[in-house]
Amino acid sequence: MAYRGAVIEQQWTPEEVQAYCIEKFESKRPVYLRKVKPEAKVKRTVNSNGNLSKAQYMRFVEKGLSDEHILAKYQDLTPECLEMAKKRWGIA
């Protein structure tokens, strides 16, 4: 037989939802993930100081990446530095 009693719809405020989620889920997250700010996007960079080795460059070329893609991965690397490195490696 089907339940025919009154069904009460529960209305939660955004604050109540946030408090519930923190209580229910946040305590189960590892400490190192709790310390990361939620708006901080975890970005995996290849090498943030701009040092590109010949072996890394050759791997990128084998994968079919262009110089623009390589420069996008290395934030501190400039096009001039890349050209000088290619001349030093004997590629250009």
C-alpha atoms as a PDB file:
ATOM      1  CA  MET A   1       0.000   0.000   0.000  1.00  0.00           C
ATOM      2  CA  ALA A   2       1.347   3.409  -0.935  1.00  0.00           C
ATOM      3  CA  TYR A   3       2.154   6.026   1.677  1.00  0.00           C
ATOM      4  CA  ARG A   4      -0.482   8.711   1.546  1.00  0.00           C
ATOM      5  CA  GLY A   5       0.645  10.928   4.394  1.00  0.00           C
ATOM      6  CA  ALA A   6       1.546  14.546   4.005  1.00  0.00           C
ATOM      7  CA  VAL A   7       4.934  15.176   2.424  1.00  0.00           C
ATOM      8  CA  ILE A   8       6.630  18.226   3.851  1.00  0.00           C
ATOM      9  CA  GLU A   9       9.051  19.926   1.506  1.00  0.00           C
ATOM     10  CA  GLN A  10      12.152  21.055   3.329  1.00  0.00           C
ATOM     11  CA  GLN A  11      13.367  24.543   2.505  1.00  0.00           C
ATOM     12  CA  TRP A  12      17.017  25.256   3.283  1.00  0.00           C
ATOM     13  CA  THR A  13      18.692  28.612   3.174  1.00  0.00           C
ATOM     14  CA  PRO A  14      22.075  28.830   1.411  1.00  0.00           C
ATOM     15  CA  GLU A  15      23.761  29.295   4.801  1.00  0.00           C
ATOM     16  CA  GLU A  16      22.175  26.117   6.127  1.00  0.00           C
ATOM     17  CA  VAL A  17      23.249  24.181   3.038  1.00  0.00           C
ATOM     18  CA  GLN A  18      26.818  25.436   3.387  1.00  0.00           C
ATOM     19  CA  ALA A  19      26.915  24.583   7.099  1.00  0.00           C
ATOM     20  CA  TYR A  20      25.551  21.107   6.386  1.00  0.00           C
ATOM     21  CA  CYS A  21      28.100  20.458   3.629  1.00  0.00           C
ATOM     22  CA  ILE A  22      30.971  21.597   5.834  1.00  0.00           C
ATOM     23  CA  GLU A  23      29.799  19.374   8.670  1.00  0.00           C
ATOM     24  CA  LYS A  24      29.071  16.377   6.451  1.00  0.00           C
ATOM     25  CA  PHE A  25      31.868  16.433   3.864  1.00  0.00           C
ATOM     26  CA  GLU A  26      34.626  18.843   4.872  1.00  0.00           C
ATOM     27  CA  SER A  27      35.646  16.824   7.912  1.00  0.00           C
ATOM     28  CA  LYS A  28      36.375  13.820   5.674  1.00  0.00           C
ATOM     29  CA  ARG A  29      38.699  15.719   3.305  1.00  0.00           C
ATOM     30  CA  PRO A  30      42.444  15.380   3.869  1.00  0.00           C
ATOM     31  CA  VAL A  31      44.127  18.265   5.668  1.00  0.00           C
ATOM     32  CA  TYR A  32      46.244  19.283   2.682  1.00  0.00           C
ATOM     33  CA  LEU A  33      43.101  19.711   0.573  1.00  0.00           C
ATOM     34  CA  ARG A  34      41.342  21.693   3.278  1.00  0.00           C
ATOM     35  CA  LYS A  35      44.200  24.201   3.307  1.00  0.00           C
ATOM     36  CA  VAL A  36      43.857  24.897  -0.443  1.00  0.00           C
ATOM     37  CA  LYS A  37      41.581  27.803  -1.170  1.00  0.00           C
ATOM     38  CA  PRO A  38      38.596  26.710  -3.268  1.00  0.00           C
ATOM     39  CA  GLU A  39      39.074  29.478  -5.825  1.00  0.00           C
ATOM     40  CA  ALA A  40      42.744  28.573  -6.206  1.00  0.00           C
ATOM     41  CA  LYS A  41      42.984  26.555  -9.371  1.00  0.00           C
ATOM     42  CA  VAL A  42      45.508  23.788  -9.046  1.00  0.00           C
ATOM     43  CA  LYS A  43      47.695  24.331 -12.065  1.00  0.00           C
ATOM     44  CA  ARG A  44      50.406  21.914 -12.976  1.00  0.00           C
ATOM     45  CA  THR A  45      53.219  23.779 -14.634  1.00  0.00           C
ATOM     46  CA  VAL A  46      56.050  22.113 -16.453  1.00  0.00           C
ATOM     47  CA  ASN A  47      58.759  24.296 -14.990  1.00  0.00           C
ATOM     48  CA  SER A  48      57.864  27.674 -13.578  1.00  0.00           C
ATOM     49  CA  ASN A  49      61.320  29.269 -13.689  1.00  0.00           C
ATOM     50  CA  GLY A  50      61.585  29.140 -17.486  1.00  0.00           C
ATOM     51  CA  ASN A  51      64.372  26.575 -17.768  1.00  0.00           C
ATOM     52  CA  LEU A  52      63.643  24.487 -20.822  1.00  0.00           C
ATOM     53  CA  SER A  53      66.061  21.699 -21.604  1.00  0.00           C
ATOM     54  CA  LYS A  54      66.835  20.350 -25.042  1.00  0.00           C
ATOM     55  CA  ALA A  55      65.334  16.964 -24.114  1.00  0.00           C
ATOM     56  CA  GLN A  56      62.082  18.598 -22.983  1.00  0.00           C
ATOM     57  CA  TYR A  57      61.932  20.689 -26.155  1.00  0.00           C
ATOM     58  CA  MET A  58      62.498  17.605 -28.321  1.00  0.00           C
ATOM     59  CA  ARG A  59      59.703  15.728 -26.497  1.00  0.00           C
ATOM     60  CA  PHE A  60      57.327  18.631 -27.139  1.00  0.00           C
ATOM     61  CA  VAL A  61      58.282  18.712 -30.823  1.00  0.00           C
ATOM     62  CA  GLU A  62      57.722  14.942 -31.094  1.00  0.00           C
ATOM     63  CA  LYS A  63      54.245  15.404 -29.644  1.00  0.00           C
ATOM     64  CA  GLY A  64      53.561  18.022 -32.319  1.00  0.00           C
ATOM     65  CA  LEU A  65      53.454  21.093 -30.070  1.00  0.00           C
ATOM     66  CA  SER A  66      54.384  24.406 -31.601  1.00  0.00           C
ATOM     67  CA  ASP A  67      56.617  27.057 -30.062  1.00  0.00           C
ATOM     68  CA  GLU A  68      53.526  29.045 -29.025  1.00  0.00           C
ATOM     69  CA  HIS A  69      52.263  26.110 -26.963  1.00  0.00           C
ATOM     70  CA  ILE A  70      55.679  25.655 -25.365  1.00  0.00           C
ATOM     71  CA  LEU A  71      55.831  29.358 -24.482  1.00  0.00           C
ATOM     72  CA  ALA A  72      52.368  29.075 -22.913  1.00  0.00           C
ATOM     73  CA  LYS A  73      53.582  26.241 -20.660  1.00  0.00           C
ATOM     74  CA  TYR A  74      56.676  28.160 -19.560  1.00  0.00           C
ATOM     75  CA  GLN A  75      55.439  31.486 -18.220  1.00  0.00           C
ATOM     76  CA  ASP A  76      58.883  33.048 -17.757  1.00  0.00           C
ATOM     77  CA  LEU A  77      60.230  31.957 -21.147  1.00  0.00           C
ATOM     78  CA  THR A  78      60.258  34.627 -23.845  1.00  0.00           C
ATOM     79  CA  PRO A  79      60.310  34.001 -27.607  1.00  0.00           C
ATOM     80  CA  GLU A  80      63.791  35.551 -27.825  1.00  0.00           C
ATOM     81  CA  CYS A  81      65.146  33.222 -25.130  1.00  0.00           C
ATOM     82  CA  LEU A  82      63.609  30.236 -26.892  1.00  0.00           C
ATOM     83  CA  GLU A  83      65.226  31.209 -30.194  1.00  0.00           C
ATOM     84  CA  MET A  84      68.613  31.658 -28.503  1.00  0.00           C
ATOM     85  CA  ALA A  85      68.252  28.255 -26.825  1.00  0.00           C
ATOM     86  CA  LYS A  86      67.359  26.615 -30.139  1.00  0.00           C
ATOM     87  CA  LYS A  87      70.483  28.130 -31.739  1.00  0.00           C
ATOM     88  CA  ARG A  88      72.564  26.950 -28.790  1.00  0.00           C
ATOM     89  CA  TRP A  89      71.195  23.425 -29.157  1.00  0.00           C
ATOM     90  CA  GLY A  90      71.797  23.479 -32.918  1.00  0.00           C
ATOM     91  CA  ILE A  91      68.135  23.053 -33.798  1.00  0.00           C
ATOM     92  CA  ALA A  92      67.376  26.316 -35.602  1.00  0.00           C
END
